[in-house]
Amino acid sequence: MLLAAILVSLAVPALAARTVMVFGDSLSAAYGIASDQGWVSLLGQRLAHATPPWQVANASVSGETTAGGLRRLAEDLRRHQPAIVLIELGANDALRGQPIAGIRANLEQMVRIVREAHAVPVLVGIVIPPNYGIDYTREFRDVYAEVAKQEKAALVPFLFAGVEDTPENFQADRLHPAAAVQPRILDNVWATLEPLLRKKAS
């Protein structure tokens, strides 16, 4: 019986781990903290214990904008062949005061490109400080939900939900989250991601 089990295990190839690609900026690139403390690395650790197996590819670049992301997305999709793509971009556009219409158009195109690659797109919502004006801040906040609704894409409503009101949760620049709150950020993402993982496994 033992020999038969061994022969069966040798005959059946191991199930290849599917990939979740995180396509973001410094908020996902562990800026200012050790890379293994960032929420994307923590996601990789959580996925390592998933059944069936999953892995994470972090295609995040500090300083990236939606326009820059749009230019490199197709190549990263070819390289990593993901089943699910978390699109976490837009903060750098907003901090530079880029027009909301351009941000929206870039996000829409990225969602469509991900779908064309037979992957599931997930938009990750960002909120910026109000010093750019109430109207701009509101329009930027709303663009993620609006694009997700229009494109019928999954949405993480707000990456920093539950941590945004406490200055100690952020580094000295008041923009990048500290290491201590990275697990909470992961939980915010996981609430949207985990059902998609289960759906892919079924």
N, C-alpha and C. Protein backbone atom coordinates (compact mmCIF):
# COMPACT_ATOMS: atom_id res chain seq x y z
N MET A 1 0.83 -1.21 0.00
CA MET A 1 0.00 0.00 0.00
C MET A 1 0.87 1.26 0.00
N LEU A 2 1.94 1.25 0.81
CA LEU A 2 2.82 2.40 0.87
C LEU A 2 3.49 2.64 -0.47
N LEU A 3 3.95 1.54 -1.11
CA LEU A 3 4.60 1.66 -2.40
C LEU A 3 3.63 2.24 -3.43
N ALA A 4 2.37 1.79 -3.40
CA ALA A 4 1.38 2.29 -4.34
C ALA A 4 1.14 3.78 -4.15
N ALA A 5 1.08 4.21 -2.90
CA ALA A 5 0.86 5.63 -2.61
C ALA A 5 2.02 6.47 -3.12
N ILE A 6 3.23 5.95 -2.96
CA ILE A 6 4.41 6.67 -3.43
C ILE A 6 4.39 6.80 -4.94
N LEU A 7 4.02 5.69 -5.62
CA LEU A 7 3.96 5.71 -7.08
C LEU A 7 2.91 6.69 -7.58
N VAL A 8 1.76 6.76 -6.88
CA VAL A 8 0.72 7.70 -7.28
C VAL A 8 1.19 9.13 -7.10
N SER A 9 1.88 9.40 -5.99
CA SER A 9 2.35 10.77 -5.74
C SER A 9 3.39 11.19 -6.76
N LEU A 10 4.19 10.24 -7.23
CA LEU A 10 5.19 10.56 -8.24
C LEU A 10 4.55 10.79 -9.60
N ALA A 11 3.45 10.09 -9.85
CA ALA A 11 2.80 10.19 -11.16
C ALA A 11 1.99 11.47 -11.30
N VAL A 12 1.53 12.04 -10.18
CA VAL A 12 0.71 13.25 -10.23
C VAL A 12 1.58 14.46 -9.92
N PRO A 13 1.73 15.38 -10.86
CA PRO A 13 2.57 16.56 -10.60
C PRO A 13 1.99 17.43 -9.50
N ALA A 14 2.88 18.09 -8.77
CA ALA A 14 2.43 19.00 -7.71
C ALA A 14 1.61 20.13 -8.31
N LEU A 15 0.56 20.54 -7.62
CA LEU A 15 -0.29 21.63 -8.09
C LEU A 15 0.48 22.94 -8.02
N ALA A 16 0.60 23.60 -9.16
CA ALA A 16 1.35 24.85 -9.21
C ALA A 16 0.60 25.93 -8.44
N ALA A 17 1.35 26.72 -7.70
CA ALA A 17 0.75 27.81 -6.93
C ALA A 17 0.29 28.91 -7.88
N ARG A 18 -0.94 29.35 -7.70
CA ARG A 18 -1.41 30.49 -8.47
C ARG A 18 -0.90 31.78 -7.83
N THR A 19 -0.88 32.83 -8.63
CA THR A 19 -0.22 34.07 -8.20
C THR A 19 -1.21 35.22 -8.02
N VAL A 20 -1.06 35.91 -6.89
CA VAL A 20 -1.69 37.22 -6.67
C VAL A 20 -0.61 38.26 -6.92
N MET A 21 -0.84 39.14 -7.88
CA MET A 21 0.13 40.20 -8.15
C MET A 21 -0.35 41.50 -7.52
N VAL A 22 0.51 42.11 -6.73
CA VAL A 22 0.22 43.43 -6.15
C VAL A 22 0.92 44.47 -7.01
N PHE A 23 0.13 45.34 -7.61
CA PHE A 23 0.63 46.31 -8.58
C PHE A 23 0.40 47.69 -7.99
N GLY A 24 1.42 48.19 -7.28
CA GLY A 24 1.20 49.42 -6.53
C GLY A 24 2.39 50.34 -6.51
N ASP A 25 2.40 51.20 -5.49
CA ASP A 25 3.46 52.18 -5.30
C ASP A 25 4.13 51.95 -3.95
N SER A 26 4.66 53.00 -3.34
CA SER A 26 5.40 52.85 -2.09
C SER A 26 4.53 52.33 -0.95
N LEU A 27 3.23 52.52 -1.02
CA LEU A 27 2.33 52.02 0.03
C LEU A 27 2.32 50.50 0.06
N SER A 28 2.69 49.88 -1.05
CA SER A 28 2.76 48.42 -1.13
C SER A 28 4.20 47.91 -1.24
N ALA A 29 5.15 48.83 -1.36
CA ALA A 29 6.55 48.45 -1.54
C ALA A 29 7.34 48.51 -0.23
N ALA A 30 6.63 48.58 0.90
CA ALA A 30 7.26 48.59 2.23
C ALA A 30 8.24 49.76 2.38
N TYR A 31 7.85 50.92 1.89
CA TYR A 31 8.69 52.10 1.99
C TYR A 31 8.97 52.44 3.46
N GLY A 32 10.25 52.65 3.78
CA GLY A 32 10.65 53.10 5.11
C GLY A 32 10.66 52.04 6.19
N ILE A 33 10.31 50.80 5.85
CA ILE A 33 10.34 49.69 6.82
C ILE A 33 11.01 48.49 6.16
N ALA A 34 11.32 47.49 6.95
CA ALA A 34 11.91 46.27 6.40
C ALA A 34 10.91 45.60 5.46
N SER A 35 11.40 45.08 4.34
CA SER A 35 10.49 44.52 3.34
C SER A 35 9.63 43.41 3.89
N ASP A 36 10.17 42.63 4.84
CA ASP A 36 9.38 41.52 5.37
C ASP A 36 8.31 41.97 6.36
N GLN A 37 8.30 43.29 6.70
CA GLN A 37 7.28 43.83 7.58
C GLN A 37 6.08 44.39 6.82
N GLY A 38 6.24 44.59 5.53
CA GLY A 38 5.18 45.19 4.72
C GLY A 38 3.99 44.27 4.54
N TRP A 39 2.84 44.86 4.27
CA TRP A 39 1.62 44.06 4.17
C TRP A 39 1.66 43.06 3.03
N VAL A 40 2.41 43.36 1.96
CA VAL A 40 2.48 42.42 0.84
C VAL A 40 3.28 41.19 1.24
N SER A 41 4.37 41.39 1.97
CA SER A 41 5.12 40.24 2.48
C SER A 41 4.28 39.43 3.45
N LEU A 42 3.53 40.10 4.30
CA LEU A 42 2.64 39.39 5.22
C LEU A 42 1.56 38.62 4.46
N LEU A 43 1.10 39.19 3.35
CA LEU A 43 0.15 38.48 2.50
C LEU A 43 0.78 37.21 1.95
N GLY A 44 2.02 37.30 1.52
CA GLY A 44 2.71 36.12 1.02
C GLY A 44 2.79 35.02 2.07
N GLN A 45 3.06 35.42 3.31
CA GLN A 45 3.11 34.44 4.39
C GLN A 45 1.75 33.78 4.60
N ARG A 46 0.69 34.58 4.53
CA ARG A 46 -0.65 34.03 4.72
C ARG A 46 -1.02 33.09 3.55
N LEU A 47 -0.67 33.49 2.35
CA LEU A 47 -0.99 32.67 1.19
C LEU A 47 -0.22 31.35 1.19
N ALA A 48 0.96 31.36 1.80
CA ALA A 48 1.77 30.14 1.84
C ALA A 48 1.07 29.01 2.58
N HIS A 49 0.12 29.35 3.44
CA HIS A 49 -0.61 28.35 4.20
C HIS A 49 -1.99 28.05 3.60
N ALA A 50 -2.26 28.62 2.43
CA ALA A 50 -3.56 28.42 1.79
C ALA A 50 -3.61 27.07 1.09
N THR A 51 -4.83 26.54 0.95
CA THR A 51 -5.06 25.33 0.18
C THR A 51 -6.23 25.59 -0.76
N PRO A 52 -6.02 25.46 -2.09
CA PRO A 52 -4.78 25.14 -2.79
C PRO A 52 -3.75 26.27 -2.65
N PRO A 53 -2.52 25.99 -3.04
CA PRO A 53 -1.44 26.95 -2.79
C PRO A 53 -1.53 28.21 -3.64
N TRP A 54 -1.14 29.32 -3.04
CA TRP A 54 -1.06 30.61 -3.72
C TRP A 54 0.29 31.24 -3.38
N GLN A 55 0.73 32.15 -4.23
CA GLN A 55 1.93 32.92 -3.96
C GLN A 55 1.67 34.38 -4.35
N VAL A 56 2.54 35.26 -3.88
CA VAL A 56 2.37 36.68 -4.17
C VAL A 56 3.56 37.17 -4.98
N ALA A 57 3.29 38.04 -5.95
CA ALA A 57 4.33 38.73 -6.70
C ALA A 57 4.14 40.22 -6.47
N ASN A 58 5.14 40.85 -5.89
CA ASN A 58 5.03 42.28 -5.60
C ASN A 58 5.64 43.08 -6.74
N ALA A 59 4.78 43.65 -7.59
CA ALA A 59 5.23 44.45 -8.73
C ALA A 59 5.03 45.93 -8.43
N SER A 60 5.25 46.31 -7.17
CA SER A 60 5.07 47.70 -6.74
C SER A 60 6.36 48.48 -6.88
N VAL A 61 6.24 49.75 -7.26
CA VAL A 61 7.39 50.63 -7.46
C VAL A 61 7.13 51.94 -6.73
N SER A 62 8.02 52.30 -5.82
CA SER A 62 7.85 53.56 -5.09
C SER A 62 7.82 54.73 -6.06
N GLY A 63 6.89 55.65 -5.82
CA GLY A 63 6.76 56.82 -6.67
C GLY A 63 5.91 56.62 -7.91
N GLU A 64 5.41 55.40 -8.12
CA GLU A 64 4.65 55.10 -9.33
C GLU A 64 3.34 55.86 -9.39
N THR A 65 2.96 56.25 -10.59
CA THR A 65 1.68 56.91 -10.86
C THR A 65 0.79 55.97 -11.67
N THR A 66 -0.45 56.36 -11.86
CA THR A 66 -1.33 55.52 -12.68
C THR A 66 -0.85 55.49 -14.14
N ALA A 67 -0.31 56.60 -14.61
CA ALA A 67 0.20 56.61 -15.99
C ALA A 67 1.40 55.69 -16.14
N GLY A 68 2.31 55.74 -15.16
CA GLY A 68 3.46 54.85 -15.20
C GLY A 68 3.06 53.40 -15.08
N GLY A 69 2.09 53.14 -14.20
CA GLY A 69 1.61 51.78 -14.05
C GLY A 69 0.98 51.26 -15.33
N LEU A 70 0.22 52.11 -15.98
CA LEU A 70 -0.43 51.71 -17.23
C LEU A 70 0.61 51.33 -18.28
N ARG A 71 1.73 52.04 -18.32
CA ARG A 71 2.77 51.74 -19.31
C ARG A 71 3.43 50.40 -19.07
N ARG A 72 3.58 49.99 -17.82
CA ARG A 72 4.33 48.76 -17.55
C ARG A 72 3.46 47.56 -17.20
N LEU A 73 2.15 47.76 -17.13
CA LEU A 73 1.27 46.68 -16.67
C LEU A 73 1.34 45.45 -17.55
N ALA A 74 1.27 45.61 -18.85
CA ALA A 74 1.24 44.44 -19.74
C ALA A 74 2.47 43.57 -19.55
N GLU A 75 3.63 44.19 -19.40
CA GLU A 75 4.86 43.42 -19.22
C GLU A 75 4.86 42.66 -17.90
N ASP A 76 4.38 43.29 -16.83
CA ASP A 76 4.33 42.60 -15.54
C ASP A 76 3.32 41.46 -15.57
N LEU A 77 2.24 41.63 -16.30
CA LEU A 77 1.27 40.54 -16.44
C LEU A 77 1.91 39.36 -17.18
N ARG A 78 2.67 39.65 -18.21
CA ARG A 78 3.35 38.57 -18.94
C ARG A 78 4.38 37.87 -18.06
N ARG A 79 5.07 38.66 -17.25
CA ARG A 79 6.14 38.09 -16.42
C ARG A 79 5.59 37.20 -15.31
N HIS A 80 4.54 37.64 -14.65
CA HIS A 80 4.07 36.94 -13.45
C HIS A 80 2.87 36.01 -13.70
N GLN A 81 2.15 36.21 -14.79
CA GLN A 81 1.00 35.36 -15.12
C GLN A 81 0.04 35.22 -13.92
N PRO A 82 -0.41 36.33 -13.35
CA PRO A 82 -1.25 36.26 -12.14
C PRO A 82 -2.67 35.83 -12.44
N ALA A 83 -3.32 35.28 -11.42
CA ALA A 83 -4.74 34.98 -11.50
C ALA A 83 -5.57 36.13 -10.95
N ILE A 84 -4.98 36.89 -10.01
CA ILE A 84 -5.64 38.03 -9.39
C ILE A 84 -4.63 39.18 -9.33
N VAL A 85 -5.09 40.39 -9.62
CA VAL A 85 -4.20 41.57 -9.58
C VAL A 85 -4.82 42.64 -8.69
N LEU A 86 -4.09 43.03 -7.67
CA LEU A 86 -4.49 44.14 -6.80
C LEU A 86 -3.86 45.42 -7.35
N ILE A 87 -4.70 46.35 -7.81
CA ILE A 87 -4.21 47.61 -8.38
C ILE A 87 -4.26 48.68 -7.30
N GLU A 88 -3.11 49.03 -6.75
CA GLU A 88 -3.01 50.02 -5.67
C GLU A 88 -2.20 51.20 -6.19
N LEU A 89 -2.83 52.06 -6.96
CA LEU A 89 -2.17 53.20 -7.56
C LEU A 89 -3.09 54.42 -7.51
N GLY A 90 -2.49 55.58 -7.57
CA GLY A 90 -3.25 56.83 -7.59
C GLY A 90 -2.79 57.85 -6.57
N ALA A 91 -2.19 57.39 -5.49
CA ALA A 91 -1.79 58.33 -4.43
C ALA A 91 -0.79 59.35 -4.94
N ASN A 92 0.19 58.92 -5.74
CA ASN A 92 1.19 59.86 -6.24
C ASN A 92 0.61 60.83 -7.25
N ASP A 93 -0.39 60.38 -8.02
CA ASP A 93 -1.09 61.30 -8.92
C ASP A 93 -1.74 62.42 -8.10
N ALA A 94 -2.45 62.02 -7.05
CA ALA A 94 -3.18 62.99 -6.24
C ALA A 94 -2.23 63.95 -5.53
N LEU A 95 -1.13 63.44 -5.02
CA LEU A 95 -0.18 64.30 -4.32
C LEU A 95 0.46 65.33 -5.27
N ARG A 96 0.41 65.04 -6.57
CA ARG A 96 0.91 65.99 -7.57
C ARG A 96 -0.21 66.81 -8.19
N GLY A 97 -1.43 66.62 -7.67
CA GLY A 97 -2.56 67.39 -8.17
C GLY A 97 -2.98 67.06 -9.58
N GLN A 98 -2.75 65.82 -10.01
CA GLN A 98 -3.13 65.42 -11.36
C GLN A 98 -4.66 65.42 -11.50
N PRO A 99 -5.16 65.71 -12.68
CA PRO A 99 -6.63 65.75 -12.88
C PRO A 99 -7.29 64.41 -12.57
N ILE A 100 -8.42 64.47 -11.91
CA ILE A 100 -9.15 63.26 -11.54
C ILE A 100 -9.55 62.47 -12.79
N ALA A 101 -9.91 63.16 -13.85
CA ALA A 101 -10.34 62.49 -15.08
C ALA A 101 -9.23 61.60 -15.63
N GLY A 102 -7.99 62.05 -15.54
CA GLY A 102 -6.87 61.25 -16.02
C GLY A 102 -6.62 60.04 -15.15
N ILE A 103 -6.73 60.23 -13.84
CA ILE A 103 -6.57 59.12 -12.91
C ILE A 103 -7.63 58.06 -13.18
N ARG A 104 -8.86 58.51 -13.35
CA ARG A 104 -9.98 57.61 -13.62
C ARG A 104 -9.72 56.80 -14.91
N ALA A 105 -9.33 57.50 -15.97
CA ALA A 105 -9.12 56.84 -17.25
C ALA A 105 -8.01 55.79 -17.15
N ASN A 106 -6.95 56.11 -16.44
CA ASN A 106 -5.85 55.16 -16.29
C ASN A 106 -6.27 53.92 -15.50
N LEU A 107 -7.03 54.14 -14.42
CA LEU A 107 -7.51 53.01 -13.63
C LEU A 107 -8.45 52.13 -14.46
N GLU A 108 -9.33 52.76 -15.22
CA GLU A 108 -10.25 51.99 -16.07
C GLU A 108 -9.47 51.13 -17.06
N GLN A 109 -8.46 51.72 -17.70
CA GLN A 109 -7.68 50.97 -18.68
C GLN A 109 -6.93 49.81 -18.03
N MET A 110 -6.39 50.03 -16.83
CA MET A 110 -5.67 48.96 -16.16
C MET A 110 -6.59 47.80 -15.81
N VAL A 111 -7.80 48.12 -15.34
CA VAL A 111 -8.76 47.06 -15.03
C VAL A 111 -9.05 46.24 -16.28
N ARG A 112 -9.23 46.91 -17.41
CA ARG A 112 -9.55 46.20 -18.66
C ARG A 112 -8.38 45.36 -19.15
N ILE A 113 -7.16 45.88 -19.00
CA ILE A 113 -5.98 45.13 -19.42
C ILE A 113 -5.82 43.86 -18.57
N VAL A 114 -6.07 43.99 -17.28
CA VAL A 114 -5.99 42.83 -16.39
C VAL A 114 -7.00 41.78 -16.83
N ARG A 115 -8.20 42.20 -17.15
CA ARG A 115 -9.24 41.26 -17.60
C ARG A 115 -8.84 40.59 -18.91
N GLU A 116 -8.26 41.37 -19.81
CA GLU A 116 -7.83 40.81 -21.10
C GLU A 116 -6.74 39.75 -20.91
N ALA A 117 -6.02 39.84 -19.80
CA ALA A 117 -4.99 38.84 -19.48
C ALA A 117 -5.58 37.66 -18.71
N HIS A 118 -6.92 37.61 -18.62
CA HIS A 118 -7.64 36.52 -17.95
C HIS A 118 -7.34 36.46 -16.45
N ALA A 119 -7.13 37.63 -15.87
CA ALA A 119 -6.93 37.74 -14.42
C ALA A 119 -8.08 38.56 -13.83
N VAL A 120 -8.25 38.44 -12.52
CA VAL A 120 -9.31 39.17 -11.81
C VAL A 120 -8.74 40.49 -11.27
N PRO A 121 -9.27 41.63 -11.68
CA PRO A 121 -8.78 42.91 -11.17
C PRO A 121 -9.44 43.28 -9.84
N VAL A 122 -8.64 43.83 -8.94
CA VAL A 122 -9.13 44.33 -7.66
C VAL A 122 -8.58 45.75 -7.47
N LEU A 123 -9.45 46.72 -7.36
CA LEU A 123 -9.02 48.09 -7.10
C LEU A 123 -8.85 48.29 -5.60
N VAL A 124 -7.79 49.00 -5.22
CA VAL A 124 -7.52 49.29 -3.81
C VAL A 124 -7.69 50.79 -3.59
N GLY A 125 -8.69 51.16 -2.79
CA GLY A 125 -9.01 52.55 -2.57
C GLY A 125 -8.01 53.27 -1.68
N ILE A 126 -7.72 54.51 -2.04
CA ILE A 126 -6.79 55.36 -1.30
C ILE A 126 -7.50 56.67 -0.96
N VAL A 127 -7.15 57.26 0.16
CA VAL A 127 -7.63 58.59 0.54
C VAL A 127 -6.41 59.46 0.82
N ILE A 128 -6.46 60.71 0.36
CA ILE A 128 -5.34 61.63 0.57
C ILE A 128 -5.71 62.66 1.62
N PRO A 129 -4.69 63.34 2.20
CA PRO A 129 -4.98 64.40 3.18
C PRO A 129 -5.81 65.52 2.56
N PRO A 130 -6.59 66.24 3.38
CA PRO A 130 -7.51 67.25 2.85
C PRO A 130 -6.86 68.55 2.42
N ASN A 131 -5.54 68.66 2.53
CA ASN A 131 -4.90 69.93 2.19
C ASN A 131 -4.90 70.23 0.69
N TYR A 132 -5.40 69.30 -0.11
CA TYR A 132 -5.53 69.57 -1.55
C TYR A 132 -6.90 70.13 -1.90
N GLY A 133 -7.67 70.42 -0.89
CA GLY A 133 -8.99 70.98 -1.10
C GLY A 133 -10.06 69.93 -0.92
N ILE A 134 -11.19 70.35 -0.35
CA ILE A 134 -12.26 69.41 -0.02
C ILE A 134 -12.81 68.73 -1.27
N ASP A 135 -13.04 69.51 -2.33
CA ASP A 135 -13.63 68.94 -3.54
C ASP A 135 -12.70 67.93 -4.19
N TYR A 136 -11.43 68.29 -4.34
CA TYR A 136 -10.47 67.37 -4.98
C TYR A 136 -10.32 66.10 -4.15
N THR A 137 -10.21 66.26 -2.83
CA THR A 137 -10.05 65.11 -1.95
C THR A 137 -11.25 64.18 -2.06
N ARG A 138 -12.44 64.74 -2.10
CA ARG A 138 -13.66 63.92 -2.21
C ARG A 138 -13.72 63.22 -3.57
N GLU A 139 -13.44 63.94 -4.63
CA GLU A 139 -13.50 63.35 -5.97
C GLU A 139 -12.48 62.23 -6.10
N PHE A 140 -11.30 62.43 -5.54
CA PHE A 140 -10.28 61.38 -5.60
C PHE A 140 -10.72 60.16 -4.80
N ARG A 141 -11.25 60.37 -3.62
CA ARG A 141 -11.71 59.25 -2.79
C ARG A 141 -12.78 58.44 -3.53
N ASP A 142 -13.68 59.14 -4.20
CA ASP A 142 -14.81 58.47 -4.84
C ASP A 142 -14.45 57.75 -6.13
N VAL A 143 -13.34 58.10 -6.74
CA VAL A 143 -13.04 57.56 -8.07
C VAL A 143 -12.88 56.03 -8.04
N TYR A 144 -12.38 55.49 -6.95
CA TYR A 144 -12.16 54.04 -6.89
C TYR A 144 -13.48 53.27 -6.90
N ALA A 145 -14.41 53.71 -6.08
CA ALA A 145 -15.72 53.05 -6.04
C ALA A 145 -16.45 53.23 -7.36
N GLU A 146 -16.30 54.40 -7.97
CA GLU A 146 -16.99 54.66 -9.25
C GLU A 146 -16.43 53.78 -10.36
N VAL A 147 -15.11 53.66 -10.43
CA VAL A 147 -14.51 52.80 -11.45
C VAL A 147 -14.85 51.33 -11.19
N ALA A 148 -14.80 50.93 -9.92
CA ALA A 148 -15.13 49.54 -9.59
C ALA A 148 -16.56 49.22 -10.00
N LYS A 149 -17.48 50.14 -9.75
CA LYS A 149 -18.88 49.91 -10.11
C LYS A 149 -19.05 49.86 -11.62
N GLN A 150 -18.44 50.80 -12.31
CA GLN A 150 -18.56 50.86 -13.77
C GLN A 150 -17.97 49.62 -14.43
N GLU A 151 -16.80 49.19 -13.95
CA GLU A 151 -16.10 48.06 -14.56
C GLU A 151 -16.44 46.72 -13.92
N LYS A 152 -17.34 46.76 -12.92
CA LYS A 152 -17.73 45.53 -12.20
C LYS A 152 -16.50 44.80 -11.66
N ALA A 153 -15.63 45.57 -11.03
CA ALA A 153 -14.40 45.04 -10.43
C ALA A 153 -14.54 44.98 -8.92
N ALA A 154 -13.81 44.06 -8.30
CA ALA A 154 -13.77 43.99 -6.84
C ALA A 154 -13.06 45.23 -6.30
N LEU A 155 -13.40 45.60 -5.06
CA LEU A 155 -12.87 46.83 -4.47
C LEU A 155 -12.49 46.62 -3.02
N VAL A 156 -11.27 47.03 -2.67
CA VAL A 156 -10.89 47.24 -1.28
C VAL A 156 -11.25 48.69 -0.99
N PRO A 157 -12.28 48.97 -0.19
CA PRO A 157 -12.78 50.34 -0.07
C PRO A 157 -11.73 51.36 0.35
N PHE A 158 -10.88 51.00 1.31
CA PHE A 158 -9.88 51.95 1.79
C PHE A 158 -8.73 51.18 2.42
N LEU A 159 -7.55 51.32 1.85
CA LEU A 159 -6.39 50.56 2.31
C LEU A 159 -6.09 50.82 3.78
N PHE A 160 -6.28 52.05 4.23
CA PHE A 160 -5.88 52.43 5.59
C PHE A 160 -7.05 52.48 6.57
N ALA A 161 -8.13 51.82 6.25
CA ALA A 161 -9.30 51.85 7.14
C ALA A 161 -8.91 51.38 8.54
N GLY A 162 -9.30 52.20 9.53
CA GLY A 162 -9.03 51.84 10.92
C GLY A 162 -7.70 52.32 11.46
N VAL A 163 -6.84 52.86 10.59
CA VAL A 163 -5.53 53.32 11.07
C VAL A 163 -5.29 54.79 10.72
N GLU A 164 -6.16 55.38 9.90
CA GLU A 164 -5.87 56.69 9.32
C GLU A 164 -5.94 57.84 10.30
N ASP A 165 -6.63 57.69 11.42
CA ASP A 165 -6.85 58.82 12.33
C ASP A 165 -5.84 58.91 13.47
N THR A 166 -4.85 58.04 13.46
CA THR A 166 -3.86 58.04 14.54
C THR A 166 -2.48 58.36 13.98
N PRO A 167 -1.92 59.53 14.28
CA PRO A 167 -0.62 59.91 13.71
C PRO A 167 0.49 58.90 13.97
N GLU A 168 0.43 58.23 15.14
CA GLU A 168 1.47 57.27 15.49
C GLU A 168 1.47 56.05 14.57
N ASN A 169 0.41 55.87 13.82
CA ASN A 169 0.34 54.75 12.89
C ASN A 169 1.13 54.99 11.61
N PHE A 170 1.67 56.21 11.49
CA PHE A 170 2.39 56.57 10.27
C PHE A 170 3.83 56.97 10.57
N GLN A 171 4.65 56.90 9.54
CA GLN A 171 6.03 57.33 9.67
C GLN A 171 6.09 58.86 9.75
N ALA A 172 7.29 59.39 9.88
CA ALA A 172 7.45 60.82 10.10
C ALA A 172 6.85 61.67 8.98
N ASP A 173 6.76 61.12 7.76
CA ASP A 173 6.21 61.89 6.66
C ASP A 173 4.68 61.99 6.69
N ARG A 174 4.05 61.25 7.61
CA ARG A 174 2.60 61.23 7.79
C ARG A 174 1.86 60.67 6.56
N LEU A 175 2.60 60.02 5.68
CA LEU A 175 1.99 59.45 4.48
C LEU A 175 2.11 57.93 4.43
N HIS A 176 3.25 57.42 4.89
CA HIS A 176 3.51 55.99 4.79
C HIS A 176 3.27 55.31 6.14
N PRO A 177 2.51 54.22 6.14
CA PRO A 177 2.17 53.55 7.40
C PRO A 177 3.38 52.90 8.07
N ALA A 178 3.35 52.88 9.39
CA ALA A 178 4.42 52.26 10.18
C ALA A 178 4.29 50.74 10.12
N ALA A 179 5.37 50.08 10.53
CA ALA A 179 5.39 48.62 10.50
C ALA A 179 4.30 48.02 11.38
N ALA A 180 4.02 48.66 12.50
CA ALA A 180 3.08 48.09 13.48
C ALA A 180 1.67 47.91 12.92
N VAL A 181 1.28 48.74 11.93
CA VAL A 181 -0.10 48.66 11.42
C VAL A 181 -0.20 47.88 10.11
N GLN A 182 0.90 47.34 9.64
CA GLN A 182 0.84 46.58 8.39
C GLN A 182 -0.08 45.36 8.48
N PRO A 183 -0.14 44.64 9.61
CA PRO A 183 -1.11 43.53 9.70
C PRO A 183 -2.55 44.01 9.56
N ARG A 184 -2.88 45.18 10.09
CA ARG A 184 -4.24 45.71 9.96
C ARG A 184 -4.53 46.06 8.50
N ILE A 185 -3.54 46.62 7.82
CA ILE A 185 -3.71 46.93 6.40
C ILE A 185 -3.96 45.65 5.62
N LEU A 186 -3.20 44.61 5.93
CA LEU A 186 -3.43 43.32 5.27
C LEU A 186 -4.86 42.84 5.51
N ASP A 187 -5.35 42.97 6.72
CA ASP A 187 -6.72 42.54 7.00
C ASP A 187 -7.74 43.31 6.15
N ASN A 188 -7.48 44.60 5.91
CA ASN A 188 -8.36 45.38 5.05
C ASN A 188 -8.41 44.81 3.63
N VAL A 189 -7.25 44.43 3.14
CA VAL A 189 -7.16 43.84 1.80
C VAL A 189 -7.77 42.44 1.80
N TRP A 190 -7.48 41.68 2.84
CA TRP A 190 -7.91 40.28 2.91
C TRP A 190 -9.43 40.14 2.87
N ALA A 191 -10.14 41.10 3.45
CA ALA A 191 -11.60 41.02 3.47
C ALA A 191 -12.19 40.95 2.07
N THR A 192 -11.54 41.60 1.11
CA THR A 192 -11.98 41.54 -0.29
C THR A 192 -11.32 40.40 -1.04
N LEU A 193 -10.06 40.14 -0.75
CA LEU A 193 -9.30 39.14 -1.50
C LEU A 193 -9.70 37.70 -1.18
N GLU A 194 -9.94 37.41 0.08
CA GLU A 194 -10.17 36.02 0.49
C GLU A 194 -11.36 35.37 -0.22
N PRO A 195 -12.49 36.06 -0.39
CA PRO A 195 -13.58 35.43 -1.16
C PRO A 195 -13.19 35.13 -2.61
N LEU A 196 -12.35 35.96 -3.21
CA LEU A 196 -11.90 35.71 -4.57
C LEU A 196 -11.01 34.49 -4.64
N LEU A 197 -10.18 34.29 -3.62
CA LEU A 197 -9.34 33.09 -3.56
C LEU A 197 -10.20 31.84 -3.47
N ARG A 198 -11.23 31.91 -2.62
CA ARG A 198 -12.12 30.75 -2.48
C ARG A 198 -12.87 30.47 -3.78
N LYS A 199 -13.28 31.52 -4.46
CA LYS A 199 -14.00 31.35 -5.73
C LYS A 199 -13.11 30.71 -6.77
N LYS A 200 -11.84 31.13 -6.82
CA LYS A 200 -10.91 30.55 -7.77
C LYS A 200 -10.62 29.09 -7.46
N ALA A 201 -10.71 28.72 -6.17
CA ALA A 201 -10.41 27.35 -5.75
C ALA A 201 -11.56 26.40 -6.01
N SER A 202 -12.77 26.95 -6.19
CA SER A 202 -13.95 26.09 -6.33
C SER A 202 -14.11 25.57 -7.75
